[in-house]
Every structure is written in C-alpha cells, then in structure tokens.
Amino acid sequence: MAAIIRTEQVWRIYQQGALEVEALKGVSLEVEQGEFTALVGPSGSGKTTLLNLLGGLDSPDRGRIWLDGTEVSGLGPGELSRFRLHHIGFVFQAYNLIPVLSAYENTEFILLLQGVAEKERKNRAMGLLKEVGLGGMEHRKPFELSGGQQQRVAVARAIASRPRIVLADEPTANLDSKTAASLLDLMRELNRQEGTTFLFSTHDPLVMERATRTVRLRDGEVLEDTTGPVSGETGEGRREEAP
C-alpha cells in the first residue's frame, strides 16, 4: 500500500539571533492510509514543527514531502492553499475557532470555501455536530461553549470536508481527562468508519494508548517507531529502532 504521508530527509533550521537551531534533522517517515499515529517526545523534539511542515503551514529547508500522492514541498502558496482546503483537516490545541461565528457556522466554513451547496452544507454540519455530542448547541458562539465543547466543534470542522488526512496538534492539552478520552474515542471511531488518517503531536498517554502507531522524536530525529498502542511514556509493544 502506498503511503499517504511521506517525508524524505526533511530538515528545518530556525535562526535565533546568531544561532542556528536544527528543529528537524533529516526526518524520513511514511504513514499509510487509515493509520492513527501519535508523534511523541519532549518539548523541542520537533513534533509540532513536523506537523506544521506536513500541513503546509511552514516549509522545509531541505528534503521533500508527499501527501496523498502530491509533492506538497514543491507547491507554490496558491496551490498549497488549494491542496490544504481539499485534502487536510486541522485540529489545533487552541481550537482556532472563529469567535464571531456559531458552532454551526464554524463547522460549515470549509464547506463554504469549497463551494458545497447550501443544503448539503447544512445537512453535513448539523449531522456532525450531533455526532460529536453538540446537538442543540449549533447556534452557540465559542465563548458560550466549554473548552471540551469548543474542541468538539474543531473536530467537526476538521472532518466536515471528509479529508483524507487530519493533523492534530496537542488536541487534548487543554482538556480534562474525561473530556479528552471521550473526544479521542470519537476520533478513533471516525478513523475506523471513514478510514481517515489521523496524525497527532502529543504528550498525552491517552492518545498513545489509542494510537495504532507511535513515532518518538528527540532532538529533531526519529528515535523509535512503535507499532500498536503504548502505555504512557514507557512504551510497551513491538518497537523498531530508527536507523
């Protein structure tokens, strides 16, 4: 099976005054369609940097990136924006909802940009909000929702366009454990039903326990690749040492 996400010797170097910080050092990675993968590691390991590169929110200094058969590292800004619109869903730690829009309007926003007809937009957005447990709250603004409810809207928005790939950056960081577990179970179920590929950056053992694969980063390099869920930071299961 061809990988839906593939990176080849990806480097990202940041300039901090006179210093060069190597956030990623030649990362090569393949993720197949339908995987539920966690990128783990301490702060500064390169998790969020890699996720931002995959999502086209940043560009590598060296190396190549393919998503769903397209080399996104070779696309111009306009082409990249169009690709993101139709292929990638994002879930951010800070939710990134539009504050003046309701839960329904936030959820349908990507569909509106895609030119989806109004009736289909409404059916899909309302159905998803009900599926994530927000039936009856469709017209509430973000400030009228709890953190967990806002993150549920963010998940509904991310999957509304039925993307092949969902990138989630620390999606449970601001949630209590019960809300986080409920949201992760929802995403895992969507992963099973739709075959959507989920890639998380996370410190959260709850994510690792549900992941079908865990990729551990340290100092900008892949340290370990584990197939199957792991238990917290100890990481049980079959491991493959990175070359």
C-alpha atoms as a PDB file:
ATOM      1  CA  MET A   1       0.000   0.000   0.000  1.00  0.00           C
ATOM      2  CA  ALA A   2       1.349   3.440  -0.960  1.00  0.00           C
ATOM      3  CA  ALA A   3       1.980   5.807   1.935  1.00  0.00           C
ATOM      4  CA  ILE A   4      -0.486   8.693   2.199  1.00  0.00           C
ATOM      5  CA  ILE A   5       2.138  10.739   4.104  1.00  0.00           C
ATOM      6  CA  ARG A   6       5.813  10.506   3.160  1.00  0.00           C
ATOM      7  CA  THR A   7       8.799  12.632   4.080  1.00  0.00           C
ATOM      8  CA  GLU A   8      12.305  12.207   2.715  1.00  0.00           C
ATOM      9  CA  GLN A   9      15.279  13.634   4.608  1.00  0.00           C
ATOM     10  CA  VAL A  10      13.366  16.694   5.862  1.00  0.00           C
ATOM     11  CA  TRP A  11      15.342  19.409   7.637  1.00  0.00           C
ATOM     12  CA  ARG A  12      14.031  22.579   9.298  1.00  0.00           C
ATOM     13  CA  ILE A  13      16.503  25.079  10.701  1.00  0.00           C
ATOM     14  CA  TYR A  14      15.482  28.214  12.579  1.00  0.00           C
ATOM     15  CA  GLN A  15      17.651  31.262  13.018  1.00  0.00           C
ATOM     16  CA  GLN A  16      17.707  32.634  16.581  1.00  0.00           C
ATOM     17  CA  GLY A  17      19.996  35.642  16.504  1.00  0.00           C
ATOM     18  CA  ALA A  18      23.440  34.325  15.620  1.00  0.00           C
ATOM     19  CA  LEU A  19      22.413  30.750  16.429  1.00  0.00           C
ATOM     20  CA  GLU A  20      21.006  28.117  14.095  1.00  0.00           C
ATOM     21  CA  VAL A  21      18.553  25.738  15.745  1.00  0.00           C
ATOM     22  CA  GLU A  22      18.063  22.422  13.949  1.00  0.00           C
ATOM     23  CA  ALA A  23      14.417  21.648  14.720  1.00  0.00           C
ATOM     24  CA  LEU A  24      14.343  18.662  12.347  1.00  0.00           C
ATOM     25  CA  LYS A  25      17.385  16.717  11.160  1.00  0.00           C
ATOM     26  CA  GLY A  26      16.767  14.591   8.098  1.00  0.00           C
ATOM     27  CA  VAL A  27      13.420  13.074   9.117  1.00  0.00           C
ATOM     28  CA  SER A  28      12.150  10.328   6.815  1.00  0.00           C
ATOM     29  CA  LEU A  29       8.714   8.910   7.625  1.00  0.00           C
ATOM     30  CA  GLU A  30       5.901   7.008   5.929  1.00  0.00           C
ATOM     31  CA  VAL A  31       2.299   6.815   7.179  1.00  0.00           C
ATOM     32  CA  GLU A  32      -0.231   4.601   5.438  1.00  0.00           C
ATOM     33  CA  GLN A  33      -3.876   5.385   4.765  1.00  0.00           C
ATOM     34  CA  GLY A  34      -6.043   4.770   7.833  1.00  0.00           C
ATOM     35  CA  GLU A  35      -3.308   4.844  10.468  1.00  0.00           C
ATOM     36  CA  PHE A  36      -3.965   6.553  13.812  1.00  0.00           C
ATOM     37  CA  THR A  37      -0.453   7.733  14.608  1.00  0.00           C
ATOM     38  CA  ALA A  38       0.994   9.665  17.544  1.00  0.00           C
ATOM     39  CA  LEU A  39       4.154  11.779  17.277  1.00  0.00           C
ATOM     40  CA  VAL A  40       5.585  11.893  20.794  1.00  0.00           C
ATOM     41  CA  GLY A  41       8.617  13.338  22.506  1.00  0.00           C
ATOM     42  CA  PRO A  42       9.657  16.110  24.902  1.00  0.00           C
ATOM     43  CA  SER A  43       9.202  19.820  24.170  1.00  0.00           C
ATOM     44  CA  GLY A  44      11.666  20.836  21.478  1.00  0.00           C
ATOM     45  CA  SER A  45      11.778  17.364  19.927  1.00  0.00           C
ATOM     46  CA  GLY A  46      10.298  18.594  16.624  1.00  0.00           C
ATOM     47  CA  LYS A  47       6.727  17.235  16.834  1.00  0.00           C
ATOM     48  CA  THR A  48       4.871  20.462  16.092  1.00  0.00           C
ATOM     49  CA  THR A  49       7.477  21.544  13.534  1.00  0.00           C
ATOM     50  CA  LEU A  50       6.943  18.314  11.602  1.00  0.00           C
ATOM     51  CA  LEU A  51       3.158  18.657  11.795  1.00  0.00           C
ATOM     52  CA  ASN A  52       3.353  22.258  10.524  1.00  0.00           C
ATOM     53  CA  LEU A  53       5.513  21.155   7.593  1.00  0.00           C
ATOM     54  CA  LEU A  54       3.115  18.356   6.707  1.00  0.00           C
ATOM     55  CA  GLY A  55       0.190  20.771   6.830  1.00  0.00           C
ATOM     56  CA  GLY A  56       1.930  23.293   4.596  1.00  0.00           C
ATOM     57  CA  LEU A  57       1.961  25.893   7.373  1.00  0.00           C
ATOM     58  CA  ASP A  58       5.760  26.014   7.104  1.00  0.00           C
ATOM     59  CA  SER A  59       8.347  24.929   4.506  1.00  0.00           C
ATOM     60  CA  PRO A  60      11.330  22.591   4.893  1.00  0.00           C
ATOM     61  CA  ASP A  61      14.840  23.919   4.361  1.00  0.00           C
ATOM     62  CA  ARG A  62      15.821  20.633   2.749  1.00  0.00           C
ATOM     63  CA  GLY A  63      14.029  17.424   1.858  1.00  0.00           C
ATOM     64  CA  ARG A  64      10.718  16.507   0.240  1.00  0.00           C
ATOM     65  CA  ILE A  65       7.167  15.892   1.469  1.00  0.00           C
ATOM     66  CA  TRP A  66       4.370  13.985  -0.273  1.00  0.00           C
ATOM     67  CA  LEU A  67       0.730  13.928   0.848  1.00  0.00           C
ATOM     68  CA  ASP A  68      -1.818  11.715  -0.891  1.00  0.00           C
ATOM     69  CA  GLY A  69       0.496  11.310  -3.891  1.00  0.00           C
ATOM     70  CA  THR A  70       1.256  15.037  -4.314  1.00  0.00           C
ATOM     71  CA  GLU A  71       4.659  16.514  -3.557  1.00  0.00           C
ATOM     72  CA  VAL A  72       3.483  19.415  -1.416  1.00  0.00           C
ATOM     73  CA  SER A  73       7.018  20.639  -0.743  1.00  0.00           C
ATOM     74  CA  GLY A  74       7.138  21.658  -4.403  1.00  0.00           C
ATOM     75  CA  LEU A  75       3.849  23.611  -4.478  1.00  0.00           C
ATOM     76  CA  GLY A  76       3.543  27.394  -4.603  1.00  0.00           C
ATOM     77  CA  PRO A  77       1.462  29.267  -1.982  1.00  0.00           C
ATOM     78  CA  GLY A  78      -1.754  29.288  -4.022  1.00  0.00           C
ATOM     79  CA  GLU A  79      -1.505  25.636  -4.996  1.00  0.00           C
ATOM     80  CA  LEU A  80      -0.669  24.682  -1.421  1.00  0.00           C
ATOM     81  CA  SER A  81      -3.673  26.580  -0.073  1.00  0.00           C
ATOM     82  CA  ARG A  82      -5.991  24.799  -2.516  1.00  0.00           C
ATOM     83  CA  PHE A  83      -4.467  21.429  -1.652  1.00  0.00           C
ATOM     84  CA  ARG A  84      -4.960  22.013   2.075  1.00  0.00           C
ATOM     85  CA  LEU A  85      -8.558  23.041   1.509  1.00  0.00           C
ATOM     86  CA  HIS A  86      -9.479  19.749  -0.146  1.00  0.00           C
ATOM     87  CA  HIS A  87      -7.172  17.184   1.464  1.00  0.00           C
ATOM     88  CA  ILE A  88      -6.257  18.148   5.054  1.00  0.00           C
ATOM     89  CA  GLY A  89      -8.228  18.758   8.236  1.00  0.00           C
ATOM     90  CA  PHE A  90      -6.609  20.540  11.198  1.00  0.00           C
ATOM     91  CA  VAL A  91      -7.296  20.293  14.931  1.00  0.00           C
ATOM     92  CA  PHE A  92      -5.300  22.792  16.985  1.00  0.00           C
ATOM     93  CA  GLN A  93      -4.528  22.908  20.705  1.00  0.00           C
ATOM     94  CA  ALA A  94      -6.005  26.430  20.901  1.00  0.00           C
ATOM     95  CA  TYR A  95      -9.145  25.369  18.924  1.00  0.00           C
ATOM     96  CA  ASN A  96      -8.729  28.289  16.427  1.00  0.00           C
ATOM     97  CA  LEU A  97     -12.485  28.761  16.062  1.00  0.00           C
ATOM     98  CA  ILE A  98     -13.733  31.997  14.523  1.00  0.00           C
ATOM     99  CA  PRO A  99     -15.156  33.822  17.572  1.00  0.00           C
ATOM    100  CA  VAL A 100     -17.963  35.673  15.769  1.00  0.00           C
ATOM    101  CA  LEU A 101     -19.328  32.503  14.159  1.00  0.00           C
ATOM    102  CA  SER A 102     -21.587  29.905  15.766  1.00  0.00           C
ATOM    103  CA  ALA A 103     -20.655  26.263  16.157  1.00  0.00           C
ATOM    104  CA  TYR A 104     -22.661  25.525  13.009  1.00  0.00           C
ATOM    105  CA  GLU A 105     -21.014  28.342  11.037  1.00  0.00           C
ATOM    106  CA  ASN A 106     -17.530  27.296  12.154  1.00  0.00           C
ATOM    107  CA  THR A 107     -18.243  23.728  11.087  1.00  0.00           C
ATOM    108  CA  GLU A 108     -19.609  24.627   7.655  1.00  0.00           C
ATOM    109  CA  PHE A 109     -16.919  27.247   6.921  1.00  0.00           C
ATOM    110  CA  ILE A 110     -14.584  24.911   4.989  1.00  0.00           C
ATOM    111  CA  LEU A 111     -17.540  23.587   3.000  1.00  0.00           C
ATOM    112  CA  LEU A 112     -18.478  27.157   2.128  1.00  0.00           C
ATOM    113  CA  LEU A 113     -14.943  27.779   0.847  1.00  0.00           C
ATOM    114  CA  GLN A 114     -15.171  24.586  -1.195  1.00  0.00           C
ATOM    115  CA  GLY A 115     -18.367  25.760  -2.876  1.00  0.00           C
ATOM    116  CA  VAL A 116     -20.563  22.994  -1.463  1.00  0.00           C
ATOM    117  CA  ALA A 117     -24.274  23.644  -1.981  1.00  0.00           C
ATOM    118  CA  GLU A 118     -26.162  25.146   0.971  1.00  0.00           C
ATOM    119  CA  LYS A 119     -28.434  22.166   1.606  1.00  0.00           C
ATOM    120  CA  GLU A 120     -25.518  19.726   1.683  1.00  0.00           C
ATOM    121  CA  ARG A 121     -23.502  22.088   3.895  1.00  0.00           C
ATOM    122  CA  LYS A 122     -26.345  22.300   6.378  1.00  0.00           C
ATOM    123  CA  ASN A 123     -27.008  18.552   6.433  1.00  0.00           C
ATOM    124  CA  ARG A 124     -23.359  17.683   6.873  1.00  0.00           C
ATOM    125  CA  ALA A 125     -22.572  20.354   9.506  1.00  0.00           C
ATOM    126  CA  MET A 126     -25.688  19.693  11.582  1.00  0.00           C
ATOM    127  CA  GLY A 127     -25.161  15.942  11.378  1.00  0.00           C
ATOM    128  CA  LEU A 128     -21.545  16.201  12.507  1.00  0.00           C
ATOM    129  CA  LEU A 129     -22.354  18.470  15.442  1.00  0.00           C
ATOM    130  CA  LYS A 130     -24.955  15.970  16.585  1.00  0.00           C
ATOM    131  CA  GLU A 131     -22.408  13.165  16.147  1.00  0.00           C
ATOM    132  CA  VAL A 132     -19.862  14.953  18.350  1.00  0.00           C
ATOM    133  CA  GLY A 133     -22.459  15.468  21.067  1.00  0.00           C
ATOM    134  CA  LEU A 134     -23.393  19.089  20.372  1.00  0.00           C
ATOM    135  CA  GLY A 135     -26.952  18.630  19.171  1.00  0.00           C
ATOM    136  CA  GLY A 136     -28.961  21.656  20.338  1.00  0.00           C
ATOM    137  CA  MET A 137     -25.822  23.816  20.672  1.00  0.00           C
ATOM    138  CA  GLU A 138     -25.364  24.532  16.955  1.00  0.00           C
ATOM    139  CA  HIS A 139     -26.045  28.261  17.281  1.00  0.00           C
ATOM    140  CA  ARG A 140     -23.830  28.957  20.295  1.00  0.00           C
ATOM    141  CA  LYS A 141     -20.729  31.078  19.797  1.00  0.00           C
ATOM    142  CA  PRO A 142     -17.353  29.774  21.032  1.00  0.00           C
ATOM    143  CA  PHE A 143     -17.495  31.919  24.211  1.00  0.00           C
ATOM    144  CA  GLU A 144     -20.758  30.152  25.116  1.00  0.00           C
ATOM    145  CA  LEU A 145     -19.097  26.713  24.970  1.00  0.00           C
ATOM    146  CA  SER A 146     -16.723  24.923  27.348  1.00  0.00           C
ATOM    147  CA  GLY A 147     -13.193  24.029  26.254  1.00  0.00           C
ATOM    148  CA  GLY A 148     -14.211  20.453  25.527  1.00  0.00           C
ATOM    149  CA  GLN A 149     -17.209  21.614  23.518  1.00  0.00           C
ATOM    150  CA  GLN A 150     -15.062  24.029  21.511  1.00  0.00           C
ATOM    151  CA  GLN A 151     -12.632  21.224  20.714  1.00  0.00           C
ATOM    152  CA  ARG A 152     -15.557  19.077  19.555  1.00  0.00           C
ATOM    153  CA  VAL A 153     -16.529  21.869  17.159  1.00  0.00           C
ATOM    154  CA  ALA A 154     -12.910  21.937  15.966  1.00  0.00           C
ATOM    155  CA  VAL A 155     -13.039  18.186  15.292  1.00  0.00           C
ATOM    156  CA  ALA A 156     -16.356  18.539  13.441  1.00  0.00           C
ATOM    157  CA  ARG A 157     -14.857  21.352  11.344  1.00  0.00           C
ATOM    158  CA  ALA A 158     -11.736  19.285  10.603  1.00  0.00           C
ATOM    159  CA  ILE A 159     -13.682  16.334   9.241  1.00  0.00           C
ATOM    160  CA  ALA A 160     -16.590  18.219   7.616  1.00  0.00           C
ATOM    161  CA  SER A 161     -14.928  18.198   4.204  1.00  0.00           C
ATOM    162  CA  ARG A 162     -14.122  14.470   4.538  1.00  0.00           C
ATOM    163  CA  PRO A 163     -10.377  14.989   4.220  1.00  0.00           C
ATOM    164  CA  ARG A 164      -8.078  12.039   3.720  1.00  0.00           C
ATOM    165  CA  ILE A 165      -5.725  13.341   6.416  1.00  0.00           C
ATOM    166  CA  VAL A 166      -6.367  15.012   9.794  1.00  0.00           C
ATOM    167  CA  LEU A 167      -3.425  16.663  11.578  1.00  0.00           C
ATOM    168  CA  ALA A 168      -3.975  17.284  15.288  1.00  0.00           C
ATOM    169  CA  ASP A 169      -1.515  19.361  17.335  1.00  0.00           C
ATOM    170  CA  GLU A 170      -1.839  18.580  21.072  1.00  0.00           C
ATOM    171  CA  PRO A 171      -5.649  18.395  20.734  1.00  0.00           C
ATOM    172  CA  THR A 172      -6.207  17.219  24.340  1.00  0.00           C
ATOM    173  CA  ALA A 173      -3.748  19.572  26.078  1.00  0.00           C
ATOM    174  CA  ASN A 174      -6.416  21.919  27.453  1.00  0.00           C
ATOM    175  CA  LEU A 175      -8.986  19.270  28.340  1.00  0.00           C
ATOM    176  CA  ASP A 176      -9.710  17.279  31.499  1.00  0.00           C
ATOM    177  CA  SER A 177      -9.044  13.547  31.217  1.00  0.00           C
ATOM    178  CA  LYS A 178     -12.695  12.524  30.883  1.00  0.00           C
ATOM    179  CA  THR A 179     -13.383  15.011  28.080  1.00  0.00           C
ATOM    180  CA  ALA A 180     -10.100  14.118  26.377  1.00  0.00           C
ATOM    181  CA  ALA A 181     -10.865  10.396  26.465  1.00  0.00           C
ATOM    182  CA  SER A 182     -14.343  10.971  25.042  1.00  0.00           C
ATOM    183  CA  LEU A 183     -13.009  13.141  22.211  1.00  0.00           C
ATOM    184  CA  LEU A 184     -10.242  10.654  21.351  1.00  0.00           C
ATOM    185  CA  ASP A 185     -12.720   7.781  21.273  1.00  0.00           C
ATOM    186  CA  LEU A 186     -14.832   9.819  18.875  1.00  0.00           C
ATOM    187  CA  MET A 187     -11.845  10.433  16.563  1.00  0.00           C
ATOM    188  CA  ARG A 188     -10.842   6.772  16.759  1.00  0.00           C
ATOM    189  CA  GLU A 189     -14.351   5.748  15.747  1.00  0.00           C
ATOM    190  CA  LEU A 190     -14.291   8.182  12.813  1.00  0.00           C
ATOM    191  CA  ASN A 191     -10.911   6.751  11.867  1.00  0.00           C
ATOM    192  CA  ARG A 192     -12.373   3.242  11.816  1.00  0.00           C
ATOM    193  CA  GLN A 193     -15.559   4.196   9.978  1.00  0.00           C
ATOM    194  CA  GLU A 194     -14.145   6.553   7.349  1.00  0.00           C
ATOM    195  CA  GLY A 195     -10.559   5.314   7.019  1.00  0.00           C
ATOM    196  CA  THR A 196      -9.338   8.863   7.688  1.00  0.00           C
ATOM    197  CA  THR A 197      -5.646   9.056   8.534  1.00  0.00           C
ATOM    198  CA  PHE A 198      -5.004  10.822  11.859  1.00  0.00           C
ATOM    199  CA  LEU A 199      -1.579  12.133  12.869  1.00  0.00           C
ATOM    200  CA  PHE A 200      -1.206  13.670  16.346  1.00  0.00           C
ATOM    201  CA  SER A 201       1.570  15.541  18.077  1.00  0.00           C
ATOM    202  CA  THR A 202       1.103  14.827  21.760  1.00  0.00           C
ATOM    203  CA  HIS A 203       2.434  14.334  25.276  1.00  0.00           C
ATOM    204  CA  ASP A 204      -0.818  12.686  26.358  1.00  0.00           C
ATOM    205  CA  PRO A 205      -0.755   8.997  27.402  1.00  0.00           C
ATOM    206  CA  LEU A 206      -4.468   8.829  26.477  1.00  0.00           C
ATOM    207  CA  VAL A 207      -3.543   9.450  22.844  1.00  0.00           C
ATOM    208  CA  MET A 208      -0.685   6.937  22.919  1.00  0.00           C
ATOM    209  CA  GLU A 209      -2.947   4.239  24.373  1.00  0.00           C
ATOM    210  CA  ARG A 210      -5.335   4.611  21.420  1.00  0.00           C
ATOM    211  CA  ALA A 211      -2.746   5.022  18.679  1.00  0.00           C
ATOM    212  CA  THR A 212      -2.128   2.240  16.172  1.00  0.00           C
ATOM    213  CA  ARG A 213       1.440   3.506  15.875  1.00  0.00           C
ATOM    214  CA  THR A 214       3.742   5.768  17.882  1.00  0.00           C
ATOM    215  CA  VAL A 215       6.711   7.658  16.416  1.00  0.00           C
ATOM    216  CA  ARG A 216       9.047   9.012  19.082  1.00  0.00           C
ATOM    217  CA  LEU A 217      11.136  12.091  18.285  1.00  0.00           C
ATOM    218  CA  ARG A 218      14.091  13.527  20.157  1.00  0.00           C
ATOM    219  CA  ASP A 219      16.257  16.496  19.188  1.00  0.00           C
ATOM    220  CA  GLY A 220      14.689  16.652  15.714  1.00  0.00           C
ATOM    221  CA  GLU A 221      15.277  12.995  14.834  1.00  0.00           C
ATOM    222  CA  VAL A 222      13.146   9.836  14.807  1.00  0.00           C
ATOM    223  CA  LEU A 223      14.304   7.833  17.799  1.00  0.00           C
ATOM    224  CA  GLU A 224      11.807   4.979  17.750  1.00  0.00           C
ATOM    225  CA  ASP A 225       8.856   3.676  15.728  1.00  0.00           C
ATOM    226  CA  THR A 226       6.368   1.502  17.632  1.00  0.00           C
ATOM    227  CA  THR A 227       3.500  -0.427  16.031  1.00  0.00           C
ATOM    228  CA  GLY A 228       0.442  -0.763  18.253  1.00  0.00           C
ATOM    229  CA  PRO A 229      -0.629   1.273  21.293  1.00  0.00           C
ATOM    230  CA  VAL A 230       1.856   2.087  24.026  1.00  0.00           C
ATOM    231  CA  SER A 231       1.285   2.633  27.730  1.00  0.00           C
ATOM    232  CA  GLY A 232       2.193   6.176  28.757  1.00  0.00           C
ATOM    233  CA  GLU A 233       5.850   7.154  28.374  1.00  0.00           C
ATOM    234  CA  THR A 234       7.196   3.652  28.953  1.00  0.00           C
ATOM    235  CA  GLY A 235       6.078   2.441  25.535  1.00  0.00           C
ATOM    236  CA  GLU A 236       5.144  -1.225  25.502  1.00  0.00           C
ATOM    237  CA  GLY A 237       4.636  -3.181  22.311  1.00  0.00           C
ATOM    238  CA  ARG A 238       6.642  -4.076  19.212  1.00  0.00           C
ATOM    239  CA  ARG A 239       9.339  -1.498  18.552  1.00  0.00           C
ATOM    240  CA  GLU A 240      11.559  -0.799  15.594  1.00  0.00           C
ATOM    241  CA  GLU A 241      14.676   1.212  16.297  1.00  0.00           C
ATOM    242  CA  ALA A 242      15.121   4.040  13.809  1.00  0.00           C
ATOM    243  CA  PRO A 243      18.144   3.596  11.545  1.00  0.00           C
END
